[in-house]
Amino acid sequence: MSIIHLSAVASQEPSAADLAGIELEWPLIAAELDLLDAQIAFINAGPYASPLETRRVRRAQRRVLEIGRELGDRDPETEGAA
């Protein structure tokens, strides 16, 4: 028995505004995926993690923060007018 009713979900298509929002946030999504990849590699390395793997995680974390800051600094009024 499923708790998710697919008929309710299947009839709802994303609007143009939803798709535009995803497109706007895609750089952040990609950066978060890169961070996740770096973290998984670091965890899998266990005690044998190299300084390069540590640096890769830190670099990915900084990139997520940079992109998040850029998205936060955008003015929604001007984004909608563009």
PDB file of N, CA and C in Angstrom:
ATOM      1  N   MET A   1       0.840  -1.175   0.000  1.00  0.00           N
ATOM      2  CA  MET A   1       0.000   0.000   0.000  1.00  0.00           C
ATOM      3  C   MET A   1       0.883   1.236   0.000  1.00  0.00           C
ATOM      4  N   SER A   2       0.637   2.138  -0.926  1.00  0.00           N
ATOM      5  CA  SER A   2       1.436   3.343  -1.046  1.00  0.00           C
ATOM      6  C   SER A   2       0.761   4.504  -0.323  1.00  0.00           C
ATOM      7  N   ILE A   3       1.549   5.298   0.359  1.00  0.00           N
ATOM      8  CA  ILE A   3       0.994   6.482   1.027  1.00  0.00           C
ATOM      9  C   ILE A   3       0.963   7.681   0.091  1.00  0.00           C
ATOM     10  N   ILE A   4       1.606   7.561  -1.056  1.00  0.00           N
ATOM     11  CA  ILE A   4       1.621   8.639  -2.037  1.00  0.00           C
ATOM     12  C   ILE A   4       0.601   8.319  -3.114  1.00  0.00           C
ATOM     13  N   HIS A   5      -0.318   9.217  -3.314  1.00  0.00           N
ATOM     14  CA  HIS A   5      -1.329   9.029  -4.343  1.00  0.00           C
ATOM     15  C   HIS A   5      -0.812   9.621  -5.637  1.00  0.00           C
ATOM     16  N   LEU A   6      -0.403   8.759  -6.557  1.00  0.00           N
ATOM     17  CA  LEU A   6       0.217   9.213  -7.799  1.00  0.00           C
ATOM     18  C   LEU A   6      -0.744   9.979  -8.687  1.00  0.00           C
ATOM     19  N   SER A   7      -2.033   9.722  -8.588  1.00  0.00           N
ATOM     20  CA  SER A   7      -2.981  10.460  -9.413  1.00  0.00           C
ATOM     21  C   SER A   7      -2.969  11.941  -9.064  1.00  0.00           C
ATOM     22  N   ALA A   8      -2.765  12.270  -7.809  1.00  0.00           N
ATOM     23  CA  ALA A   8      -2.715  13.675  -7.399  1.00  0.00           C
ATOM     24  C   ALA A   8      -1.432  14.333  -7.880  1.00  0.00           C
ATOM     25  N   VAL A   9      -0.355  13.592  -7.908  1.00  0.00           N
ATOM     26  CA  VAL A   9       0.931  14.138  -8.318  1.00  0.00           C
ATOM     27  C   VAL A   9       1.050  14.196  -9.834  1.00  0.00           C
ATOM     28  N   ALA A  10       0.543  13.199 -10.530  1.00  0.00           N
ATOM     29  CA  ALA A  10       0.687  13.105 -11.977  1.00  0.00           C
ATOM     30  C   ALA A  10      -0.034  14.223 -12.705  1.00  0.00           C
ATOM     31  N   SER A  11      -1.108  14.743 -12.129  1.00  0.00           N
ATOM     32  CA  SER A  11      -1.865  15.789 -12.808  1.00  0.00           C
ATOM     33  C   SER A  11      -1.233  17.161 -12.631  1.00  0.00           C
ATOM     34  N   GLN A  12      -0.237  17.290 -11.791  1.00  0.00           N
ATOM     35  CA  GLN A  12       0.388  18.576 -11.531  1.00  0.00           C
ATOM     36  C   GLN A  12       1.706  18.680 -12.291  1.00  0.00           C
ATOM     37  N   GLU A  13       1.702  19.454 -13.325  1.00  0.00           N
ATOM     38  CA  GLU A  13       2.924  19.712 -14.085  1.00  0.00           C
ATOM     39  C   GLU A  13       3.568  20.981 -13.550  1.00  0.00           C
ATOM     40  N   PRO A  14       4.884  21.090 -13.628  1.00  0.00           N
ATOM     41  CA  PRO A  14       5.523  22.324 -13.160  1.00  0.00           C
ATOM     42  C   PRO A  14       5.151  23.488 -14.070  1.00  0.00           C
ATOM     43  N   SER A  15       4.923  24.615 -13.452  1.00  0.00           N
ATOM     44  CA  SER A  15       4.588  25.812 -14.216  1.00  0.00           C
ATOM     45  C   SER A  15       5.868  26.405 -14.796  1.00  0.00           C
ATOM     46  N   ALA A  16       5.692  27.389 -15.656  1.00  0.00           N
ATOM     47  CA  ALA A  16       6.852  28.084 -16.223  1.00  0.00           C
ATOM     48  C   ALA A  16       7.660  28.761 -15.120  1.00  0.00           C
ATOM     49  N   ALA A  17       6.972  29.278 -14.114  1.00  0.00           N
ATOM     50  CA  ALA A  17       7.668  29.913 -12.991  1.00  0.00           C
ATOM     51  C   ALA A  17       8.473  28.887 -12.195  1.00  0.00           C
ATOM     52  N   ASP A  18       7.911  27.691 -12.012  1.00  0.00           N
ATOM     53  CA  ASP A  18       8.638  26.632 -11.307  1.00  0.00           C
ATOM     54  C   ASP A  18       9.914  26.253 -12.067  1.00  0.00           C
ATOM     55  N   LEU A  19       9.771  26.082 -13.368  1.00  0.00           N
ATOM     56  CA  LEU A  19      10.929  25.718 -14.194  1.00  0.00           C
ATOM     57  C   LEU A  19      11.975  26.829 -14.209  1.00  0.00           C
ATOM     58  N   ALA A  20      11.521  28.081 -14.230  1.00  0.00           N
ATOM     59  CA  ALA A  20      12.460  29.212 -14.195  1.00  0.00           C
ATOM     60  C   ALA A  20      13.202  29.241 -12.859  1.00  0.00           C
ATOM     61  N   GLY A  21      12.502  28.924 -11.782  1.00  0.00           N
ATOM     62  CA  GLY A  21      13.140  28.883 -10.470  1.00  0.00           C
ATOM     63  C   GLY A  21      14.201  27.796 -10.385  1.00  0.00           C
ATOM     64  N   ILE A  22      13.901  26.645 -10.958  1.00  0.00           N
ATOM     65  CA  ILE A  22      14.877  25.548 -10.982  1.00  0.00           C
ATOM     66  C   ILE A  22      16.083  25.945 -11.813  1.00  0.00           C
ATOM     67  N   GLU A  23      15.826  26.562 -12.957  1.00  0.00           N
ATOM     68  CA  GLU A  23      16.917  27.010 -13.826  1.00  0.00           C
ATOM     69  C   GLU A  23      17.806  28.026 -13.113  1.00  0.00           C
ATOM     70  N   LEU A  24      17.182  28.919 -12.357  1.00  0.00           N
ATOM     71  CA  LEU A  24      17.931  29.936 -11.623  1.00  0.00           C
ATOM     72  C   LEU A  24      18.796  29.295 -10.533  1.00  0.00           C
ATOM     73  N   GLU A  25      18.285  28.261  -9.892  1.00  0.00           N
ATOM     74  CA  GLU A  25      19.003  27.623  -8.787  1.00  0.00           C
ATOM     75  C   GLU A  25      19.894  26.471  -9.234  1.00  0.00           C
ATOM     76  N   TRP A  26      19.932  26.172 -10.518  1.00  0.00           N
ATOM     77  CA  TRP A  26      20.708  25.024 -10.975  1.00  0.00           C
ATOM     78  C   TRP A  26      22.192  25.108 -10.617  1.00  0.00           C
ATOM     79  N   PRO A  27      22.851  26.273 -10.710  1.00  0.00           N
ATOM     80  CA  PRO A  27      24.265  26.302 -10.301  1.00  0.00           C
ATOM     81  C   PRO A  27      24.469  25.861  -8.849  1.00  0.00           C
ATOM     82  N   LEU A  28      23.532  26.221  -7.975  1.00  0.00           N
ATOM     83  CA  LEU A  28      23.634  25.798  -6.574  1.00  0.00           C
ATOM     84  C   LEU A  28      23.415  24.297  -6.445  1.00  0.00           C
ATOM     85  N   ILE A  29      22.457  23.769  -7.177  1.00  0.00           N
ATOM     86  CA  ILE A  29      22.200  22.328  -7.153  1.00  0.00           C
ATOM     87  C   ILE A  29      23.431  21.560  -7.622  1.00  0.00           C
ATOM     88  N   ALA A  30      24.047  22.026  -8.701  1.00  0.00           N
ATOM     89  CA  ALA A  30      25.246  21.364  -9.227  1.00  0.00           C
ATOM     90  C   ALA A  30      26.395  21.447  -8.223  1.00  0.00           C
ATOM     91  N   ALA A  31      26.555  22.593  -7.573  1.00  0.00           N
ATOM     92  CA  ALA A  31      27.617  22.748  -6.576  1.00  0.00           C
ATOM     93  C   ALA A  31      27.381  21.825  -5.380  1.00  0.00           C
ATOM     94  N   GLU A  32      26.127  21.678  -4.969  1.00  0.00           N
ATOM     95  CA  GLU A  32      25.822  20.783  -3.857  1.00  0.00           C
ATOM     96  C   GLU A  32      26.075  19.324  -4.235  1.00  0.00           C
ATOM     97  N   LEU A  33      25.816  18.968  -5.484  1.00  0.00           N
ATOM     98  CA  LEU A  33      26.123  17.611  -5.935  1.00  0.00           C
ATOM     99  C   LEU A  33      27.635  17.366  -5.943  1.00  0.00           C
ATOM    100  N   ASP A  34      28.410  18.374  -6.357  1.00  0.00           N
ATOM    101  CA  ASP A  34      29.869  18.248  -6.317  1.00  0.00           C
ATOM    102  C   ASP A  34      30.361  18.082  -4.887  1.00  0.00           C
ATOM    103  N   LEU A  35      29.766  18.830  -3.969  1.00  0.00           N
ATOM    104  CA  LEU A  35      30.127  18.709  -2.558  1.00  0.00           C
ATOM    105  C   LEU A  35      29.804  17.306  -2.045  1.00  0.00           C
ATOM    106  N   LEU A  36      28.647  16.805  -2.408  1.00  0.00           N
ATOM    107  CA  LEU A  36      28.266  15.459  -1.987  1.00  0.00           C
ATOM    108  C   LEU A  36      29.250  14.418  -2.520  1.00  0.00           C
ATOM    109  N   ASP A  37      29.647  14.548  -3.781  1.00  0.00           N
ATOM    110  CA  ASP A  37      30.634  13.625  -4.359  1.00  0.00           C
ATOM    111  C   ASP A  37      31.952  13.677  -3.587  1.00  0.00           C
ATOM    112  N   ALA A  38      32.398  14.892  -3.262  1.00  0.00           N
ATOM    113  CA  ALA A  38      33.657  15.048  -2.531  1.00  0.00           C
ATOM    114  C   ALA A  38      33.553  14.434  -1.134  1.00  0.00           C
ATOM    115  N   GLN A  39      32.419  14.642  -0.478  1.00  0.00           N
ATOM    116  CA  GLN A  39      32.231  14.086   0.861  1.00  0.00           C
ATOM    117  C   GLN A  39      32.178  12.562   0.831  1.00  0.00           C
ATOM    118  N   ILE A  40      31.522  12.012  -0.174  1.00  0.00           N
ATOM    119  CA  ILE A  40      31.462  10.549  -0.291  1.00  0.00           C
ATOM    120  C   ILE A  40      32.849   9.968  -0.513  1.00  0.00           C
ATOM    121  N   ALA A  41      33.633  10.602  -1.380  1.00  0.00           N
ATOM    122  CA  ALA A  41      34.992  10.125  -1.633  1.00  0.00           C
ATOM    123  C   ALA A  41      35.835  10.204  -0.361  1.00  0.00           C
ATOM    124  N   PHE A  42      35.666  11.279   0.396  1.00  0.00           N
ATOM    125  CA  PHE A  42      36.413  11.450   1.641  1.00  0.00           C
ATOM    126  C   PHE A  42      36.033  10.374   2.655  1.00  0.00           C
ATOM    127  N   ILE A  43      34.734  10.118   2.789  1.00  0.00           N
ATOM    128  CA  ILE A  43      34.274   9.103   3.738  1.00  0.00           C
ATOM    129  C   ILE A  43      34.748   7.717   3.327  1.00  0.00           C
ATOM    130  N   ASN A  44      34.679   7.431   2.032  1.00  0.00           N
ATOM    131  CA  ASN A  44      35.116   6.120   1.555  1.00  0.00           C
ATOM    132  C   ASN A  44      36.610   5.904   1.739  1.00  0.00           C
ATOM    133  N   ALA A  45      37.378   6.990   1.723  1.00  0.00           N
ATOM    134  CA  ALA A  45      38.825   6.865   1.918  1.00  0.00           C
ATOM    135  C   ALA A  45      39.145   6.498   3.363  1.00  0.00           C
ATOM    136  N   GLY A  46      38.238   6.842   4.273  1.00  0.00           N
ATOM    137  CA  GLY A  46      38.433   6.509   5.684  1.00  0.00           C
ATOM    138  C   GLY A  46      39.714   7.101   6.239  1.00  0.00           C
ATOM    139  N   PRO A  47      40.477   6.297   6.958  1.00  0.00           N
ATOM    140  CA  PRO A  47      41.703   6.821   7.558  1.00  0.00           C
ATOM    141  C   PRO A  47      42.794   7.095   6.524  1.00  0.00           C
ATOM    142  N   TYR A  48      42.568   6.677   5.295  1.00  0.00           N
ATOM    143  CA  TYR A  48      43.574   6.881   4.249  1.00  0.00           C
ATOM    144  C   TYR A  48      43.285   8.120   3.408  1.00  0.00           C
ATOM    145  N   ALA A  49      42.389   8.975   3.878  1.00  0.00           N
ATOM    146  CA  ALA A  49      42.052  10.197   3.136  1.00  0.00           C
ATOM    147  C   ALA A  49      43.289  11.079   3.028  1.00  0.00           C
ATOM    148  N   SER A  50      43.524  11.543   1.822  1.00  0.00           N
ATOM    149  CA  SER A  50      44.702  12.376   1.585  1.00  0.00           C
ATOM    150  C   SER A  50      44.359  13.849   1.807  1.00  0.00           C
ATOM    151  N   PRO A  51      45.373  14.667   1.952  1.00  0.00           N
ATOM    152  CA  PRO A  51      45.128  16.112   2.053  1.00  0.00           C
ATOM    153  C   PRO A  51      44.413  16.664   0.818  1.00  0.00           C
ATOM    154  N   LEU A  52      44.614  16.046  -0.335  1.00  0.00           N
ATOM    155  CA  LEU A  52      43.924  16.497  -1.542  1.00  0.00           C
ATOM    156  C   LEU A  52      42.418  16.269  -1.441  1.00  0.00           C
ATOM    157  N   GLU A  53      42.018  15.167  -0.837  1.00  0.00           N
ATOM    158  CA  GLU A  53      40.593  14.903  -0.652  1.00  0.00           C
ATOM    159  C   GLU A  53      39.985  15.890   0.330  1.00  0.00           C
ATOM    160  N   THR A  54      40.731  16.220   1.372  1.00  0.00           N
ATOM    161  CA  THR A  54      40.271  17.227   2.326  1.00  0.00           C
ATOM    162  C   THR A  54      40.119  18.575   1.633  1.00  0.00           C
ATOM    163  N   ARG A  55      41.076  18.928   0.816  1.00  0.00           N
ATOM    164  CA  ARG A  55      41.031  20.197   0.086  1.00  0.00           C
ATOM    165  C   ARG A  55      39.854  20.224  -0.889  1.00  0.00           C
ATOM    166  N   ARG A  56      39.585  19.085  -1.526  1.00  0.00           N
ATOM    167  CA  ARG A  56      38.456  19.005  -2.464  1.00  0.00           C
ATOM    168  C   ARG A  56      37.134  19.270  -1.743  1.00  0.00           C
ATOM    169  N   VAL A  57      36.980  18.732  -0.540  1.00  0.00           N
ATOM    170  CA  VAL A  57      35.762  18.973   0.232  1.00  0.00           C
ATOM    171  C   VAL A  57      35.658  20.445   0.610  1.00  0.00           C
ATOM    172  N   ARG A  58      36.743  21.018   1.099  1.00  0.00           N
ATOM    173  CA  ARG A  58      36.718  22.440   1.484  1.00  0.00           C
ATOM    174  C   ARG A  58      36.420  23.331   0.295  1.00  0.00           C
ATOM    175  N   ARG A  59      37.014  23.035  -0.851  1.00  0.00           N
ATOM    176  CA  ARG A  59      36.779  23.823  -2.060  1.00  0.00           C
ATOM    177  C   ARG A  59      35.313  23.729  -2.481  1.00  0.00           C
ATOM    178  N   ALA A  60      34.744  22.540  -2.416  1.00  0.00           N
ATOM    179  CA  ALA A  60      33.340  22.353  -2.776  1.00  0.00           C
ATOM    180  C   ALA A  60      32.418  23.090  -1.789  1.00  0.00           C
ATOM    181  N   GLN A  61      32.784  23.077  -0.506  1.00  0.00           N
ATOM    182  CA  GLN A  61      31.995  23.806   0.486  1.00  0.00           C
ATOM    183  C   GLN A  61      32.019  25.307   0.200  1.00  0.00           C
ATOM    184  N   ARG A  62      33.205  25.826  -0.115  1.00  0.00           N
ATOM    185  CA  ARG A  62      33.312  27.255  -0.443  1.00  0.00           C
ATOM    186  C   ARG A  62      32.492  27.606  -1.671  1.00  0.00           C
ATOM    187  N   ARG A  63      32.486  26.723  -2.665  1.00  0.00           N
ATOM    188  CA  ARG A  63      31.735  26.980  -3.891  1.00  0.00           C
ATOM    189  C   ARG A  63      30.229  27.019  -3.604  1.00  0.00           C
ATOM    190  N   VAL A  64      29.742  26.116  -2.777  1.00  0.00           N
ATOM    191  CA  VAL A  64      28.328  26.129  -2.404  1.00  0.00           C
ATOM    192  C   VAL A  64      27.991  27.442  -1.698  1.00  0.00           C
ATOM    193  N   LEU A  65      28.855  27.874  -0.789  1.00  0.00           N
ATOM    194  CA  LEU A  65      28.603  29.124  -0.080  1.00  0.00           C
ATOM    195  C   LEU A  65      28.637  30.325  -1.019  1.00  0.00           C
ATOM    196  N   GLU A  66      29.586  30.343  -1.952  1.00  0.00           N
ATOM    197  CA  GLU A  66      29.677  31.453  -2.910  1.00  0.00           C
ATOM    198  C   GLU A  66      28.418  31.554  -3.756  1.00  0.00           C
ATOM    199  N   ILE A  67      27.990  30.442  -4.298  1.00  0.00           N
ATOM    200  CA  ILE A  67      26.817  30.449  -5.161  1.00  0.00           C
ATOM    201  C   ILE A  67      25.560  30.781  -4.353  1.00  0.00           C
ATOM    202  N   GLY A  68      25.465  30.249  -3.153  1.00  0.00           N
ATOM    203  CA  GLY A  68      24.329  30.582  -2.291  1.00  0.00           C
ATOM    204  C   GLY A  68      24.279  32.064  -1.976  1.00  0.00           C
ATOM    205  N   ARG A  69      25.445  32.655  -1.728  1.00  0.00           N
ATOM    206  CA  ARG A  69      25.512  34.084  -1.463  1.00  0.00           C
ATOM    207  C   ARG A  69      25.090  34.889  -2.689  1.00  0.00           C
ATOM    208  N   GLU A  70      25.552  34.455  -3.886  1.00  0.00           N
ATOM    209  CA  GLU A  70      25.167  35.131  -5.118  1.00  0.00           C
ATOM    210  C   GLU A  70      23.653  35.061  -5.339  1.00  0.00           C
ATOM    211  N   LEU A  71      23.078  33.890  -5.096  1.00  0.00           N
ATOM    212  CA  LEU A  71      21.630  33.751  -5.260  1.00  0.00           C
ATOM    213  C   LEU A  71      20.882  34.591  -4.227  1.00  0.00           C
ATOM    214  N   GLY A  72      21.406  34.676  -3.022  1.00  0.00           N
ATOM    215  CA  GLY A  72      20.770  35.469  -1.978  1.00  0.00           C
ATOM    216  C   GLY A  72      20.859  36.956  -2.231  1.00  0.00           C
ATOM    217  N   ASP A  73      21.899  37.378  -2.933  1.00  0.00           N
ATOM    218  CA  ASP A  73      22.086  38.797  -3.217  1.00  0.00           C
ATOM    219  C   ASP A  73      21.253  39.288  -4.389  1.00  0.00           C
ATOM    220  N   ARG A  74      20.710  38.361  -5.183  1.00  0.00           N
ATOM    221  CA  ARG A  74      19.905  38.765  -6.337  1.00  0.00           C
ATOM    222  C   ARG A  74      18.596  39.395  -5.882  1.00  0.00           C
ATOM    223  N   ASP A  75      18.178  40.380  -6.641  1.00  0.00           N
ATOM    224  CA  ASP A  75      16.928  41.069  -6.360  1.00  0.00           C
ATOM    225  C   ASP A  75      15.808  40.376  -7.126  1.00  0.00           C
ATOM    226  N   PRO A  76      14.831  39.804  -6.431  1.00  0.00           N
ATOM    227  CA  PRO A  76      13.767  39.099  -7.153  1.00  0.00           C
ATOM    228  C   PRO A  76      12.962  40.013  -8.073  1.00  0.00           C
ATOM    229  N   GLU A  77      12.907  41.305  -7.757  1.00  0.00           N
ATOM    230  CA  GLU A  77      12.179  42.257  -8.594  1.00  0.00           C
ATOM    231  C   GLU A  77      12.833  42.359  -9.974  1.00  0.00           C
ATOM    232  N   THR A  78      14.159  42.443 -10.002  1.00  0.00           N
ATOM    233  CA  THR A  78      14.855  42.596 -11.282  1.00  0.00           C
ATOM    234  C   THR A  78      14.923  41.265 -12.030  1.00  0.00           C
ATOM    235  N   GLU A  79      14.922  40.146 -11.304  1.00  0.00           N
ATOM    236  CA  GLU A  79      14.961  38.838 -11.960  1.00  0.00           C
ATOM    237  C   GLU A  79      13.663  38.590 -12.724  1.00  0.00           C
ATOM    238  N   GLY A  80      12.556  39.003 -12.154  1.00  0.00           N
ATOM    239  CA  GLY A  80      11.274  38.806 -12.812  1.00  0.00           C
ATOM    240  C   GLY A  80      11.095  39.698 -14.029  1.00  0.00           C
ATOM    241  N   ALA A  81      11.763  40.857 -14.028  1.00  0.00           N
ATOM    242  CA  ALA A  81      11.631  41.811 -15.131  1.00  0.00           C
ATOM    243  C   ALA A  81      12.504  41.446 -16.304  1.00  0.00           C
ATOM    244  N   ALA A  82      13.508  40.621 -16.078  1.00  0.00           N
ATOM    245  CA  ALA A  82      14.456  40.293 -17.143  1.00  0.00           C
ATOM    246  C   ALA A  82      13.893  39.371 -18.179  1.00  0.00           C
TER     247      ALA A  82
END
